[in-house]
Every structure is written in structure tokens, then in C-alpha cells.
Protein backbone atom coordinates (compact mmCIF):
# COMPACT_ATOMS: atom_id res chain seq x y z
CA UNK A 1 18.05 -2.01 17.72
CA UNK A 2 15.06 -3.53 16.83
CA UNK A 3 14.54 -6.26 18.72
CA UNK A 4 13.52 -10.42 17.34
CA UNK A 5 10.33 -9.41 21.04
CA UNK A 6 9.23 -6.01 19.39
CA UNK A 7 8.72 -7.94 16.28
CA UNK A 8 6.75 -10.75 17.80
CA UNK A 9 4.80 -8.40 19.45
CA UNK A 10 3.10 -6.51 17.07
CA UNK A 11 2.66 -9.32 15.02
CA UNK A 12 0.58 -11.09 18.05
CA UNK A 13 -1.02 -7.22 17.86
CA UNK A 14 -1.89 -7.08 14.32
CA UNK A 15 -3.47 -10.76 14.59
CA UNK A 16 -0.68 -12.13 12.64
CA UNK A 17 1.47 -15.15 13.07
CA UNK A 18 5.07 -14.64 11.79
CA UNK A 19 6.99 -18.16 11.01
CA UNK A 20 10.75 -16.58 11.09
CA UNK A 21 11.21 -13.02 12.94
CA UNK A 22 14.38 -12.23 12.33
CA UNK A 23 13.14 -11.68 8.24
CA UNK A 24 11.90 -8.78 9.85
CA UNK A 25 14.12 -6.95 12.65
CA UNK A 26 16.99 -6.24 9.46
CA UNK A 27 13.29 -4.63 7.33
CA UNK A 28 11.91 -2.85 10.24
CA UNK A 29 16.01 -0.83 11.34
CA UNK A 30 16.09 0.32 7.63
CA UNK A 31 12.39 1.17 7.54
CA UNK A 32 13.35 3.44 10.66
CA UNK A 33 16.79 4.55 9.65
CA UNK A 34 14.59 6.03 6.60
CA UNK A 35 12.62 8.29 8.63
CA UNK A 36 15.40 9.33 10.71
CA UNK A 37 17.06 10.58 7.37
CA UNK A 38 14.59 12.60 6.69
CA UNK A 39 14.03 13.76 9.99
CA UNK A 40 18.52 15.05 9.66
CA UNK A 41 16.88 17.05 6.64
CA UNK A 42 17.26 20.70 6.91
CA UNK A 43 14.38 22.11 4.58
CA UNK A 44 14.59 26.09 3.55
CA UNK A 45 11.36 27.09 1.98
CA UNK A 46 7.81 25.88 2.87
CA UNK A 47 6.67 25.72 -0.64
CA UNK A 48 5.29 22.33 -2.04
CA UNK A 49 6.92 21.16 -5.39
CA UNK A 50 4.80 20.44 -7.25
CA UNK A 51 4.27 19.30 -11.23
CA UNK A 52 1.37 21.19 -12.64
CA UNK A 53 -0.47 19.41 -16.57
CA UNK A 54 -2.58 21.80 -19.06
CA UNK A 55 -5.38 20.49 -20.07
CA UNK A 56 -2.94 20.38 -23.73
CA UNK A 57 -1.03 16.98 -22.00
CA UNK A 58 -4.93 14.71 -21.34
CA UNK A 59 -6.63 12.32 -23.48
CA UNK A 60 -9.55 12.74 -24.55
CA UNK A 61 -12.20 10.45 -22.59
CA UNK A 62 -14.23 8.15 -24.82
CA UNK A 63 -16.96 6.49 -23.57
CA UNK A 64 -16.64 2.90 -24.99
CA UNK A 65 -19.77 0.93 -24.44
CA UNK A 66 -19.61 -2.77 -23.14
CA UNK A 67 -22.40 -5.20 -23.84
CA UNK A 68 -21.94 -8.31 -21.66
CA UNK A 69 -22.98 -8.41 -17.74
CA UNK A 70 -18.50 -8.20 -15.96
CA UNK A 71 -20.71 -10.11 -13.26
CA UNK A 72 -20.68 -13.22 -15.32
CA UNK A 73 -17.28 -13.30 -16.25
CA UNK A 74 -16.04 -13.65 -12.80
CA UNK A 75 -15.63 -16.91 -11.29
CA UNK A 76 -17.10 -16.09 -7.61
CA UNK A 77 -19.85 -14.56 -7.50
CA UNK A 78 -23.08 -14.38 -4.78
CA UNK A 79 -25.63 -12.84 -6.18
CA UNK A 80 -24.72 -9.64 -7.58
CA UNK A 81 -21.59 -9.37 -5.50
CA UNK A 82 -17.93 -10.28 -6.12
CA UNK A 83 -16.68 -12.27 -3.61
CA UNK A 84 -12.52 -11.61 -2.49
CA UNK A 85 -10.57 -14.06 -0.44
CA UNK A 86 -10.83 -13.19 3.60
CA UNK A 87 -8.25 -10.76 4.55
CA UNK A 88 -6.64 -12.20 8.20
């Protein structure tokens, strides 16, 4: 069982403020339960199932020129770089 104090400690470690840690207790428990059910699965083969695509199923790449400068269309720029919001 996941405790509120554990969620608060994780929030402190990753430096985020959790206004309602109880909300995350159930979500974390569901994630742990999911991984526990994956651990219980028995796999009889080591072969990896893949789906291969032939080149016939792929679209043809086409070059379409774009004459405008995209940097000029952005709202937040500095010199020749796009500015993004700070990640906290």
C-alpha cells in the first residue's frame, strides 16, 4: 500500500509541490498493481512479435518547398531561437 508520506517525499525529491497528494496514492497503486500483474505473466517463448511493413505500404516522400521563414511566425523568439515556457 502506498502512503501519503511516500508521495509527498517523491514530490520533494523531484522538486514539485503537490497540492493534493492523496489524489496520486490511488494512481501509483494502480501502476504498481499493473507491473505486478506483468511480473506474474509466464512467457513460453523468447521470440519478439513484430509486424513488418513492406516498402509497398509506405507513402512516397515528396519535397514541398516552404518559402516563408517559420521563425517569423512564432510569437516568442530570441534571435534565431524559439522560446519555450520554463520547465519546473
